[in-house]
Amino acid sequence: MGQSKTKVDIIACGLDNSGKTTILNFFRPANEKMETVTATIGYNVETFQFQNFNYQTNAYNYKSAQNSGTGDKKVEFTAFDMGGAKKFRSLWESHYSTVQGIVFVIDSSDVLRLCVVKDELEALLQHPDLNADAGRKRVPVLVYANKNDLEGAKTPAELTELLDLPELMGDRPYNIFSSDARKGVALAEGMGWLQETVLLQLGDQKKKGK
């Protein structure tokens, strides 16, 4: 019996040089990975499959997925990798109305620009296309606190407080992972959380006939 396939659109946002493209490159098949990652001009589109990953135990086909009904699904992600330079940030909103998940990447060592990070994240979360109805308000947000290997990098707990994440997110599902994109640290764990959260939401919507 074949596995069902679910297609999920996500958007990867964050300031320039935060590591968005490096993170998405991690999920490419080995023979398609870029040896050198360059800054994104405008936006790129990446497609990858990520199946039954337990972000808590680093294992596949995990018990919680099976119990929740997500364990038999093959997920194909289409990720819109958005340029983070100021002149490209206005392009982000063109994808808000269709995505089922948001990946927001922060350079946790770039303390001087955290105020800009907060402004951009707040603008994203308050955009009408992400608040059109109760369903859109619940689009989950995966936050990567990236570059955790650099001196002065803030921890997820510190960033949660500095950015006032509980207030910004409201009742929207979110999670923050301390990552090092160059080494792949916590990338799969974070995407595993996003995958399970999106699949559970899609399952709930199907049950309600939405």
N, C-alpha and C. Protein backbone atom coordinates (compact mmCIF):
# COMPACT_ATOMS: atom_id res chain seq x y z
N MET A 1 0.85 -1.19 0.00
CA MET A 1 0.00 0.00 0.00
C MET A 1 0.89 1.23 0.00
N GLY A 2 0.71 2.12 -0.98
CA GLY A 2 1.57 3.29 -1.08
C GLY A 2 1.24 4.35 -0.05
N GLN A 3 2.23 5.16 0.21
CA GLN A 3 2.04 6.26 1.14
C GLN A 3 1.35 7.42 0.43
N SER A 4 0.49 8.13 1.19
CA SER A 4 -0.14 9.32 0.64
C SER A 4 0.88 10.45 0.62
N LYS A 5 0.74 11.33 -0.35
CA LYS A 5 1.65 12.47 -0.45
C LYS A 5 0.89 13.76 -0.19
N THR A 6 1.46 14.59 0.65
CA THR A 6 0.87 15.89 0.94
C THR A 6 1.84 16.97 0.50
N LYS A 7 1.33 17.91 -0.28
CA LYS A 7 2.17 19.02 -0.74
C LYS A 7 1.95 20.21 0.17
N VAL A 8 3.05 20.78 0.64
CA VAL A 8 3.00 21.89 1.59
C VAL A 8 3.87 23.02 1.09
N ASP A 9 3.29 24.21 1.01
CA ASP A 9 4.05 25.41 0.63
C ASP A 9 4.48 26.16 1.88
N ILE A 10 5.77 26.51 1.94
CA ILE A 10 6.28 27.30 3.06
C ILE A 10 7.08 28.47 2.51
N ILE A 11 7.29 29.46 3.34
CA ILE A 11 8.09 30.62 2.96
C ILE A 11 9.21 30.78 3.98
N ALA A 12 10.42 31.04 3.49
CA ALA A 12 11.58 31.26 4.35
C ALA A 12 11.93 32.74 4.31
N CYS A 13 11.77 33.40 5.44
CA CYS A 13 12.02 34.84 5.54
C CYS A 13 13.08 35.13 6.60
N GLY A 14 13.56 36.34 6.59
CA GLY A 14 14.56 36.78 7.56
C GLY A 14 15.46 37.79 6.90
N LEU A 15 16.22 38.51 7.71
CA LEU A 15 17.11 39.53 7.16
C LEU A 15 18.21 38.90 6.32
N ASP A 16 18.85 39.71 5.50
CA ASP A 16 19.97 39.24 4.70
C ASP A 16 21.08 38.69 5.60
N ASN A 17 21.73 37.65 5.10
CA ASN A 17 22.85 37.03 5.79
C ASN A 17 22.45 36.28 7.07
N SER A 18 21.19 35.93 7.18
CA SER A 18 20.76 35.17 8.36
C SER A 18 20.96 33.67 8.20
N GLY A 19 21.03 33.20 6.93
CA GLY A 19 21.29 31.79 6.70
C GLY A 19 20.14 31.02 6.08
N LYS A 20 19.16 31.71 5.51
CA LYS A 20 17.98 31.04 4.95
C LYS A 20 18.34 30.05 3.85
N THR A 21 19.15 30.50 2.89
CA THR A 21 19.49 29.64 1.76
C THR A 21 20.35 28.46 2.19
N THR A 22 21.24 28.68 3.14
CA THR A 22 22.07 27.60 3.67
C THR A 22 21.20 26.54 4.34
N ILE A 23 20.18 26.98 5.04
CA ILE A 23 19.26 26.04 5.70
C ILE A 23 18.52 25.21 4.66
N LEU A 24 17.97 25.84 3.64
CA LEU A 24 17.23 25.10 2.62
C LEU A 24 18.16 24.19 1.81
N ASN A 25 19.39 24.62 1.64
CA ASN A 25 20.36 23.78 0.93
C ASN A 25 20.61 22.47 1.67
N PHE A 26 20.51 22.51 2.98
CA PHE A 26 20.69 21.32 3.80
C PHE A 26 19.68 20.23 3.44
N PHE A 27 18.48 20.64 3.05
CA PHE A 27 17.42 19.67 2.77
C PHE A 27 17.43 19.18 1.32
N ARG A 28 18.30 19.71 0.50
CA ARG A 28 18.43 19.21 -0.87
C ARG A 28 19.02 17.79 -0.86
N PRO A 29 18.67 16.97 -1.86
CA PRO A 29 19.35 15.67 -2.00
C PRO A 29 20.86 15.89 -2.12
N ALA A 30 21.62 14.91 -1.69
CA ALA A 30 23.08 15.05 -1.64
C ALA A 30 23.67 15.46 -2.98
N ASN A 31 23.11 14.93 -4.07
CA ASN A 31 23.67 15.23 -5.39
C ASN A 31 23.21 16.57 -5.95
N GLU A 32 22.38 17.28 -5.19
CA GLU A 32 21.89 18.58 -5.65
C GLU A 32 22.33 19.74 -4.76
N LYS A 33 23.07 19.44 -3.70
CA LYS A 33 23.48 20.50 -2.79
C LYS A 33 24.45 21.46 -3.46
N MET A 34 24.29 22.75 -3.14
CA MET A 34 25.21 23.77 -3.65
C MET A 34 26.49 23.76 -2.83
N GLU A 35 27.62 23.80 -3.50
CA GLU A 35 28.89 23.86 -2.79
C GLU A 35 29.13 25.24 -2.21
N THR A 36 28.69 26.26 -2.92
CA THR A 36 28.83 27.64 -2.46
C THR A 36 27.46 28.30 -2.45
N VAL A 37 27.07 28.83 -1.31
CA VAL A 37 25.77 29.49 -1.18
C VAL A 37 25.97 30.99 -1.31
N THR A 38 25.18 31.62 -2.18
CA THR A 38 25.27 33.06 -2.39
C THR A 38 23.97 33.73 -1.95
N ALA A 39 24.04 35.04 -1.79
CA ALA A 39 22.87 35.80 -1.36
C ALA A 39 21.74 35.68 -2.38
N THR A 40 20.52 35.57 -1.89
CA THR A 40 19.36 35.42 -2.75
C THR A 40 18.95 36.77 -3.33
N ILE A 41 18.82 36.82 -4.65
CA ILE A 41 18.34 38.03 -5.33
C ILE A 41 16.87 37.82 -5.65
N GLY A 42 16.01 38.60 -5.03
CA GLY A 42 14.57 38.40 -5.21
C GLY A 42 14.10 37.20 -4.41
N TYR A 43 13.88 36.08 -5.09
CA TYR A 43 13.57 34.85 -4.37
C TYR A 43 13.86 33.64 -5.25
N ASN A 44 14.08 32.52 -4.58
CA ASN A 44 14.27 31.24 -5.25
C ASN A 44 13.21 30.26 -4.76
N VAL A 45 12.99 29.20 -5.52
CA VAL A 45 12.03 28.17 -5.12
C VAL A 45 12.77 26.84 -4.97
N GLU A 46 12.60 26.21 -3.83
CA GLU A 46 13.22 24.92 -3.55
C GLU A 46 12.12 23.89 -3.28
N THR A 47 12.32 22.67 -3.76
CA THR A 47 11.39 21.57 -3.49
C THR A 47 12.15 20.42 -2.86
N PHE A 48 11.61 19.89 -1.77
CA PHE A 48 12.28 18.77 -1.11
C PHE A 48 11.25 17.94 -0.35
N GLN A 49 11.62 16.69 -0.07
CA GLN A 49 10.77 15.80 0.71
C GLN A 49 11.39 15.58 2.07
N PHE A 50 10.52 15.53 3.06
CA PHE A 50 10.98 15.39 4.43
C PHE A 50 9.93 14.54 5.14
N GLN A 51 10.29 13.31 5.48
CA GLN A 51 9.28 12.32 5.84
C GLN A 51 9.46 11.76 7.24
N ASN A 52 8.41 11.89 8.05
CA ASN A 52 8.33 11.19 9.34
C ASN A 52 9.56 11.38 10.23
N PHE A 53 9.96 12.64 10.40
CA PHE A 53 11.13 12.90 11.22
C PHE A 53 10.69 13.34 12.61
N ASN A 54 11.26 12.75 13.63
CA ASN A 54 10.95 13.11 15.01
C ASN A 54 11.94 14.17 15.47
N TYR A 55 11.49 15.40 15.59
CA TYR A 55 12.40 16.48 15.96
C TYR A 55 12.89 16.34 17.40
N GLN A 56 12.26 15.46 18.19
CA GLN A 56 12.69 15.28 19.58
C GLN A 56 13.73 14.17 19.72
N THR A 57 13.64 13.13 18.89
CA THR A 57 14.53 11.98 19.07
C THR A 57 15.45 11.72 17.89
N ASN A 58 15.34 12.57 16.84
CA ASN A 58 16.18 12.38 15.65
C ASN A 58 15.93 11.04 14.96
N ALA A 59 14.69 10.57 14.99
CA ALA A 59 14.37 9.27 14.40
C ALA A 59 13.18 9.38 13.46
N TYR A 60 13.09 8.45 12.52
CA TYR A 60 11.98 8.42 11.58
C TYR A 60 10.90 7.44 12.05
N ASN A 61 9.70 7.57 11.47
CA ASN A 61 8.57 6.69 11.77
C ASN A 61 8.28 6.66 13.27
N TYR A 62 8.20 7.83 13.86
CA TYR A 62 8.12 7.89 15.31
C TYR A 62 6.68 7.75 15.81
N LYS A 63 6.60 7.40 17.06
CA LYS A 63 5.33 7.01 17.67
C LYS A 63 4.32 8.13 17.64
N SER A 64 4.73 9.36 17.95
CA SER A 64 3.77 10.46 18.01
C SER A 64 3.16 10.72 16.64
N ALA A 65 3.94 10.57 15.59
CA ALA A 65 3.40 10.78 14.24
C ALA A 65 2.38 9.71 13.90
N GLN A 66 2.67 8.49 14.29
CA GLN A 66 1.75 7.39 14.00
C GLN A 66 0.45 7.57 14.78
N ASN A 67 0.56 7.98 16.04
CA ASN A 67 -0.62 8.17 16.86
C ASN A 67 -1.47 9.33 16.37
N SER A 68 -0.82 10.36 15.80
CA SER A 68 -1.56 11.54 15.37
C SER A 68 -2.10 11.39 13.95
N GLY A 69 -1.72 10.30 13.27
CA GLY A 69 -2.19 10.09 11.92
C GLY A 69 -1.31 10.72 10.87
N THR A 70 -0.15 11.24 11.26
CA THR A 70 0.74 11.87 10.29
C THR A 70 1.86 10.94 9.86
N GLY A 71 2.00 9.78 10.50
CA GLY A 71 3.15 8.94 10.26
C GLY A 71 3.17 8.23 8.93
N ASP A 72 2.01 8.16 8.23
CA ASP A 72 1.97 7.45 6.96
C ASP A 72 2.01 8.40 5.77
N LYS A 73 2.35 9.64 6.01
CA LYS A 73 2.30 10.63 4.94
C LYS A 73 3.70 10.99 4.45
N LYS A 74 3.81 11.11 3.13
CA LYS A 74 5.02 11.62 2.52
C LYS A 74 4.77 13.09 2.21
N VAL A 75 5.64 13.96 2.70
CA VAL A 75 5.43 15.40 2.54
C VAL A 75 6.41 15.96 1.52
N GLU A 76 5.88 16.68 0.56
CA GLU A 76 6.70 17.38 -0.41
C GLU A 76 6.58 18.88 -0.14
N PHE A 77 7.67 19.47 0.29
CA PHE A 77 7.69 20.90 0.58
C PHE A 77 8.09 21.69 -0.66
N THR A 78 7.38 22.77 -0.91
CA THR A 78 7.84 23.79 -1.84
C THR A 78 8.15 25.02 -1.00
N ALA A 79 9.42 25.42 -0.99
CA ALA A 79 9.87 26.52 -0.13
C ALA A 79 10.24 27.73 -0.97
N PHE A 80 9.65 28.85 -0.64
CA PHE A 80 9.99 30.11 -1.29
C PHE A 80 11.07 30.79 -0.44
N ASP A 81 12.28 30.79 -0.97
CA ASP A 81 13.45 31.34 -0.28
C ASP A 81 13.55 32.82 -0.64
N MET A 82 13.12 33.68 0.28
CA MET A 82 12.98 35.09 -0.02
C MET A 82 14.26 35.87 0.33
N GLY A 83 14.66 36.75 -0.58
CA GLY A 83 15.81 37.61 -0.31
C GLY A 83 15.56 38.47 0.91
N GLY A 84 16.59 38.64 1.73
CA GLY A 84 16.40 39.36 2.99
C GLY A 84 16.88 40.80 2.99
N ALA A 85 17.52 41.24 1.88
CA ALA A 85 17.95 42.63 1.81
C ALA A 85 16.72 43.54 1.82
N LYS A 86 16.87 44.74 2.32
CA LYS A 86 15.72 45.65 2.50
C LYS A 86 14.93 45.83 1.22
N LYS A 87 15.60 45.93 0.08
CA LYS A 87 14.90 46.19 -1.18
C LYS A 87 14.07 45.01 -1.66
N PHE A 88 14.29 43.81 -1.07
CA PHE A 88 13.55 42.63 -1.48
C PHE A 88 12.45 42.25 -0.49
N ARG A 89 12.41 42.85 0.67
CA ARG A 89 11.46 42.41 1.70
C ARG A 89 10.01 42.65 1.32
N SER A 90 9.77 43.61 0.44
CA SER A 90 8.39 43.86 0.00
C SER A 90 7.84 42.70 -0.82
N LEU A 91 8.73 41.83 -1.31
CA LEU A 91 8.29 40.66 -2.09
C LEU A 91 7.73 39.55 -1.20
N TRP A 92 8.08 39.56 0.07
CA TRP A 92 7.65 38.48 0.95
C TRP A 92 6.14 38.27 0.91
N GLU A 93 5.40 39.39 0.97
CA GLU A 93 3.95 39.31 1.14
C GLU A 93 3.23 38.68 -0.05
N SER A 94 3.90 38.57 -1.18
CA SER A 94 3.25 38.00 -2.35
C SER A 94 2.93 36.52 -2.18
N HIS A 95 3.52 35.87 -1.16
CA HIS A 95 3.30 34.44 -0.93
C HIS A 95 2.50 34.15 0.34
N TYR A 96 2.16 35.17 1.11
CA TYR A 96 1.53 34.94 2.40
C TYR A 96 0.18 34.22 2.29
N SER A 97 -0.57 34.51 1.25
CA SER A 97 -1.94 34.00 1.18
C SER A 97 -2.03 32.51 0.89
N THR A 98 -0.94 31.90 0.45
CA THR A 98 -1.00 30.50 0.03
C THR A 98 -0.16 29.55 0.88
N VAL A 99 0.72 30.05 1.72
CA VAL A 99 1.62 29.16 2.45
C VAL A 99 0.92 28.52 3.64
N GLN A 100 1.38 27.30 3.97
CA GLN A 100 0.88 26.60 5.16
C GLN A 100 1.86 26.67 6.33
N GLY A 101 3.05 27.22 6.09
CA GLY A 101 4.04 27.33 7.16
C GLY A 101 5.02 28.44 6.86
N ILE A 102 5.59 28.99 7.93
CA ILE A 102 6.55 30.08 7.82
C ILE A 102 7.84 29.68 8.52
N VAL A 103 8.95 29.85 7.83
CA VAL A 103 10.27 29.66 8.44
C VAL A 103 10.91 31.04 8.55
N PHE A 104 11.16 31.48 9.77
CA PHE A 104 11.76 32.79 9.98
C PHE A 104 13.15 32.58 10.59
N VAL A 105 14.17 33.06 9.88
CA VAL A 105 15.55 32.81 10.28
C VAL A 105 16.17 34.08 10.84
N ILE A 106 16.82 33.92 11.99
CA ILE A 106 17.46 35.04 12.68
C ILE A 106 18.94 34.75 12.85
N ASP A 107 19.79 35.72 12.55
CA ASP A 107 21.21 35.63 12.91
C ASP A 107 21.29 35.99 14.38
N SER A 108 21.41 34.97 15.22
CA SER A 108 21.34 35.20 16.67
C SER A 108 22.56 35.93 17.21
N SER A 109 23.58 36.12 16.37
CA SER A 109 24.76 36.87 16.80
C SER A 109 24.70 38.34 16.39
N ASP A 110 23.73 38.69 15.54
CA ASP A 110 23.62 40.06 15.02
C ASP A 110 22.70 40.87 15.93
N VAL A 111 23.22 41.18 17.11
CA VAL A 111 22.40 41.83 18.14
C VAL A 111 21.96 43.24 17.71
N LEU A 112 22.79 43.92 16.95
CA LEU A 112 22.48 45.29 16.57
C LEU A 112 21.24 45.39 15.68
N ARG A 113 20.93 44.32 14.97
CA ARG A 113 19.77 44.37 14.06
C ARG A 113 18.54 43.65 14.61
N LEU A 114 18.55 43.29 15.88
CA LEU A 114 17.39 42.60 16.43
C LEU A 114 16.15 43.48 16.41
N CYS A 115 16.34 44.80 16.51
CA CYS A 115 15.18 45.70 16.45
C CYS A 115 14.54 45.64 15.05
N VAL A 116 15.38 45.49 14.01
CA VAL A 116 14.86 45.36 12.65
C VAL A 116 14.17 44.00 12.49
N VAL A 117 14.77 42.97 13.06
CA VAL A 117 14.16 41.63 13.03
C VAL A 117 12.76 41.68 13.62
N LYS A 118 12.63 42.33 14.77
CA LYS A 118 11.33 42.40 15.44
C LYS A 118 10.32 43.15 14.58
N ASP A 119 10.75 44.27 13.99
CA ASP A 119 9.84 45.05 13.13
C ASP A 119 9.35 44.23 11.94
N GLU A 120 10.26 43.50 11.30
CA GLU A 120 9.90 42.72 10.12
C GLU A 120 9.00 41.54 10.49
N LEU A 121 9.30 40.90 11.60
CA LEU A 121 8.48 39.77 12.04
C LEU A 121 7.08 40.25 12.41
N GLU A 122 7.00 41.37 13.08
CA GLU A 122 5.69 41.91 13.46
C GLU A 122 4.87 42.28 12.23
N ALA A 123 5.53 42.91 11.25
CA ALA A 123 4.83 43.27 10.01
C ALA A 123 4.32 42.03 9.29
N LEU A 124 5.13 40.99 9.28
CA LEU A 124 4.72 39.73 8.65
C LEU A 124 3.48 39.16 9.34
N LEU A 125 3.52 39.06 10.65
CA LEU A 125 2.45 38.41 11.39
C LEU A 125 1.16 39.21 11.37
N GLN A 126 1.26 40.52 11.17
CA GLN A 126 0.07 41.36 11.15
C GLN A 126 -0.47 41.60 9.74
N HIS A 127 0.18 41.02 8.74
CA HIS A 127 -0.26 41.24 7.37
C HIS A 127 -1.66 40.64 7.17
N PRO A 128 -2.54 41.35 6.45
CA PRO A 128 -3.92 40.86 6.26
C PRO A 128 -4.01 39.45 5.68
N ASP A 129 -3.09 39.08 4.81
CA ASP A 129 -3.15 37.75 4.19
C ASP A 129 -2.82 36.64 5.17
N LEU A 130 -2.27 36.98 6.31
CA LEU A 130 -2.02 35.98 7.35
C LEU A 130 -3.00 36.12 8.51
N ASN A 131 -3.99 37.00 8.32
CA ASN A 131 -4.98 37.21 9.37
C ASN A 131 -6.38 37.35 8.79
N ALA A 132 -6.58 36.82 7.59
CA ALA A 132 -7.86 36.98 6.91
C ALA A 132 -9.00 36.25 7.62
N ASP A 133 -8.69 35.14 8.25
CA ASP A 133 -9.70 34.39 8.99
C ASP A 133 -8.99 33.56 10.04
N ALA A 134 -9.75 32.82 10.80
CA ALA A 134 -9.16 32.07 11.92
C ALA A 134 -8.10 31.08 11.44
N GLY A 135 -8.33 30.48 10.27
CA GLY A 135 -7.36 29.53 9.74
C GLY A 135 -6.03 30.17 9.43
N ARG A 136 -6.04 31.33 8.80
CA ARG A 136 -4.80 32.00 8.44
C ARG A 136 -4.05 32.47 9.69
N LYS A 137 -4.75 32.80 10.73
CA LYS A 137 -4.09 33.24 11.96
C LYS A 137 -3.30 32.12 12.61
N ARG A 138 -3.60 30.90 12.20
CA ARG A 138 -2.95 29.76 12.83
C ARG A 138 -1.79 29.20 12.02
N VAL A 139 -1.39 29.86 10.94
CA VAL A 139 -0.24 29.38 10.16
C VAL A 139 0.97 29.32 11.09
N PRO A 140 1.57 28.14 11.26
CA PRO A 140 2.65 27.98 12.24
C PRO A 140 3.95 28.63 11.78
N VAL A 141 4.74 29.05 12.76
CA VAL A 141 6.00 29.72 12.49
C VAL A 141 7.15 28.95 13.14
N LEU A 142 8.08 28.52 12.31
CA LEU A 142 9.32 27.90 12.78
C LEU A 142 10.40 28.97 12.79
N VAL A 143 10.98 29.23 13.94
CA VAL A 143 12.05 30.22 14.06
C VAL A 143 13.37 29.50 14.27
N TYR A 144 14.33 29.76 13.40
CA TYR A 144 15.69 29.27 13.59
C TYR A 144 16.52 30.40 14.16
N ALA A 145 17.03 30.22 15.38
CA ALA A 145 18.01 31.15 15.97
C ALA A 145 19.37 30.68 15.46
N ASN A 146 19.72 31.14 14.28
CA ASN A 146 20.86 30.59 13.55
C ASN A 146 22.19 31.20 13.99
N LYS A 147 23.26 30.55 13.54
CA LYS A 147 24.64 30.96 13.84
C LYS A 147 24.93 30.93 15.34
N ASN A 148 24.45 29.85 15.97
CA ASN A 148 24.65 29.74 17.41
C ASN A 148 26.09 29.47 17.80
N ASP A 149 26.95 29.24 16.79
CA ASP A 149 28.36 28.99 17.07
C ASP A 149 29.18 30.26 17.19
N LEU A 150 28.60 31.40 16.82
CA LEU A 150 29.34 32.66 16.81
C LEU A 150 29.33 33.33 18.18
N GLU A 151 30.39 34.06 18.45
CA GLU A 151 30.51 34.75 19.73
C GLU A 151 29.38 35.76 19.89
N GLY A 152 28.79 35.76 21.07
CA GLY A 152 27.73 36.71 21.38
C GLY A 152 26.36 36.28 20.91
N ALA A 153 26.25 35.07 20.35
CA ALA A 153 24.95 34.60 19.88
C ALA A 153 23.96 34.47 21.03
N LYS A 154 22.76 34.91 20.81
CA LYS A 154 21.71 34.85 21.83
C LYS A 154 21.04 33.48 21.80
N THR A 155 20.64 33.01 22.95
CA THR A 155 19.95 31.73 23.06
C THR A 155 18.48 31.91 22.67
N PRO A 156 17.78 30.81 22.37
CA PRO A 156 16.35 30.93 22.10
C PRO A 156 15.58 31.62 23.22
N ALA A 157 15.93 31.34 24.46
CA ALA A 157 15.24 31.98 25.58
C ALA A 157 15.47 33.49 25.58
N GLU A 158 16.71 33.89 25.29
CA GLU A 158 17.01 35.32 25.24
C GLU A 158 16.30 36.01 24.09
N LEU A 159 16.27 35.35 22.93
CA LEU A 159 15.59 35.93 21.77
C LEU A 159 14.08 36.00 21.99
N THR A 160 13.55 34.99 22.64
CA THR A 160 12.11 35.00 22.94
C THR A 160 11.74 36.22 23.76
N GLU A 161 12.61 36.56 24.71
CA GLU A 161 12.35 37.73 25.56
C GLU A 161 12.62 39.03 24.81
N LEU A 162 13.75 39.10 24.11
CA LEU A 162 14.13 40.33 23.42
C LEU A 162 13.14 40.70 22.31
N LEU A 163 12.62 39.70 21.64
CA LEU A 163 11.68 39.93 20.54
C LEU A 163 10.23 39.89 20.99
N ASP A 164 10.02 39.56 22.26
CA ASP A 164 8.66 39.48 22.82
C ASP A 164 7.80 38.52 21.99
N LEU A 165 8.36 37.34 21.73
CA LEU A 165 7.69 36.39 20.84
C LEU A 165 6.29 35.96 21.30
N PRO A 166 6.07 35.69 22.58
CA PRO A 166 4.71 35.29 22.97
C PRO A 166 3.66 36.34 22.61
N GLU A 167 4.01 37.60 22.77
CA GLU A 167 3.07 38.67 22.43
C GLU A 167 2.88 38.77 20.92
N LEU A 168 3.98 38.68 20.16
CA LEU A 168 3.90 38.78 18.71
C LEU A 168 3.12 37.62 18.11
N MET A 169 3.36 36.42 18.60
CA MET A 169 2.76 35.23 18.01
C MET A 169 1.31 35.04 18.42
N GLY A 170 0.95 35.51 19.60
CA GLY A 170 -0.41 35.31 20.05
C GLY A 170 -0.71 33.83 20.21
N ASP A 171 -1.84 33.36 19.61
CA ASP A 171 -2.19 31.94 19.71
C ASP A 171 -1.70 31.14 18.52
N ARG A 172 -0.84 31.74 17.71
CA ARG A 172 -0.30 31.04 16.55
C ARG A 172 0.75 30.01 17.01
N PRO A 173 0.74 28.78 16.50
CA PRO A 173 1.76 27.81 16.88
C PRO A 173 3.14 28.28 16.43
N TYR A 174 4.11 28.21 17.32
CA TYR A 174 5.48 28.56 16.94
C TYR A 174 6.46 27.78 17.81
N ASN A 175 7.67 27.68 17.30
CA ASN A 175 8.74 27.04 18.04
C ASN A 175 10.05 27.65 17.58
N ILE A 176 11.02 27.70 18.47
CA ILE A 176 12.32 28.31 18.14
C ILE A 176 13.42 27.30 18.43
N PHE A 177 14.33 27.15 17.46
CA PHE A 177 15.43 26.19 17.57
C PHE A 177 16.75 26.90 17.39
N SER A 178 17.70 26.61 18.26
CA SER A 178 19.06 27.15 18.16
C SER A 178 19.82 26.34 17.12
N SER A 179 20.24 26.99 16.03
CA SER A 179 20.80 26.24 14.90
C SER A 179 22.15 26.77 14.44
N ASP A 180 22.85 25.89 13.75
CA ASP A 180 24.07 26.23 13.03
C ASP A 180 23.92 25.63 11.65
N ALA A 181 23.49 26.46 10.69
CA ALA A 181 23.13 25.96 9.37
C ALA A 181 24.31 25.32 8.65
N ARG A 182 25.51 25.83 8.87
CA ARG A 182 26.67 25.29 8.15
C ARG A 182 26.97 23.85 8.55
N LYS A 183 26.66 23.51 9.80
CA LYS A 183 26.89 22.15 10.28
C LYS A 183 25.60 21.32 10.32
N GLY A 184 24.48 21.94 10.01
CA GLY A 184 23.21 21.23 10.02
C GLY A 184 22.61 21.04 11.39
N VAL A 185 23.11 21.74 12.40
CA VAL A 185 22.65 21.56 13.77
C VAL A 185 21.21 22.06 13.92
N ALA A 186 20.33 21.18 14.35
CA ALA A 186 18.92 21.46 14.69
C ALA A 186 18.04 21.78 13.49
N LEU A 187 18.56 21.67 12.27
CA LEU A 187 17.74 21.99 11.11
C LEU A 187 16.63 20.96 10.91
N ALA A 188 16.98 19.68 10.96
CA ALA A 188 15.98 18.64 10.78
C ALA A 188 14.97 18.63 11.93
N GLU A 189 15.45 18.89 13.14
CA GLU A 189 14.55 18.94 14.28
C GLU A 189 13.48 20.02 14.09
N GLY A 190 13.93 21.19 13.64
CA GLY A 190 12.99 22.28 13.42
C GLY A 190 11.99 21.96 12.32
N MET A 191 12.48 21.45 11.20
CA MET A 191 11.58 21.14 10.09
C MET A 191 10.64 20.00 10.46
N GLY A 192 11.11 19.09 11.30
CA GLY A 192 10.25 18.01 11.78
C GLY A 192 9.07 18.56 12.57
N TRP A 193 9.36 19.55 13.42
CA TRP A 193 8.28 20.18 14.19
C TRP A 193 7.28 20.86 13.25
N LEU A 194 7.78 21.59 12.26
CA LEU A 194 6.90 22.30 11.34
C LEU A 194 6.06 21.31 10.55
N GLN A 195 6.69 20.24 10.08
CA GLN A 195 5.95 19.24 9.31
C GLN A 195 4.80 18.66 10.11
N GLU A 196 5.08 18.24 11.33
CA GLU A 196 4.03 17.62 12.13
C GLU A 196 2.92 18.61 12.44
N THR A 197 3.29 19.85 12.73
CA THR A 197 2.29 20.87 13.06
C THR A 197 1.38 21.15 11.88
N VAL A 198 1.97 21.28 10.68
CA VAL A 198 1.18 21.54 9.48
C VAL A 198 0.26 20.35 9.18
N LEU A 199 0.78 19.14 9.27
CA LEU A 199 -0.03 17.96 8.97
C LEU A 199 -1.20 17.82 9.95
N LEU A 200 -0.97 18.11 11.20
CA LEU A 200 -2.06 18.05 12.18
C LEU A 200 -3.13 19.09 11.86
N GLN A 201 -2.70 20.29 11.44
CA GLN A 201 -3.67 21.32 11.07
C GLN A 201 -4.47 20.91 9.85
N LEU A 202 -3.79 20.37 8.85
CA LEU A 202 -4.48 19.95 7.63
C LEU A 202 -5.47 18.83 7.94
N GLY A 203 -5.08 17.94 8.85
CA GLY A 203 -5.98 16.87 9.26
C GLY A 203 -7.21 17.39 9.97
N ASP A 204 -7.02 18.38 10.85
CA ASP A 204 -8.14 18.99 11.56
C ASP A 204 -9.09 19.69 10.59
N GLN A 205 -8.51 20.39 9.59
CA GLN A 205 -9.34 21.08 8.61
C GLN A 205 -10.16 20.10 7.79
N LYS A 206 -9.54 18.96 7.46
CA LYS A 206 -10.25 17.94 6.67
C LYS A 206 -11.42 17.37 7.46
N LYS A 207 -11.21 17.14 8.76
CA LYS A 207 -12.27 16.61 9.61
C LYS A 207 -13.44 17.59 9.70
N LYS A 208 -13.11 18.89 9.69
CA LYS A 208 -14.15 19.92 9.80
C LYS A 208 -14.78 20.25 8.46
N GLY A 209 -14.23 19.63 7.40
CA GLY A 209 -14.79 19.84 6.08
C GLY A 209 -14.42 21.16 5.46
N LYS A 210 -13.23 21.75 5.90
CA LYS A 210 -12.79 23.04 5.38
C LYS A 210 -11.92 22.83 4.15
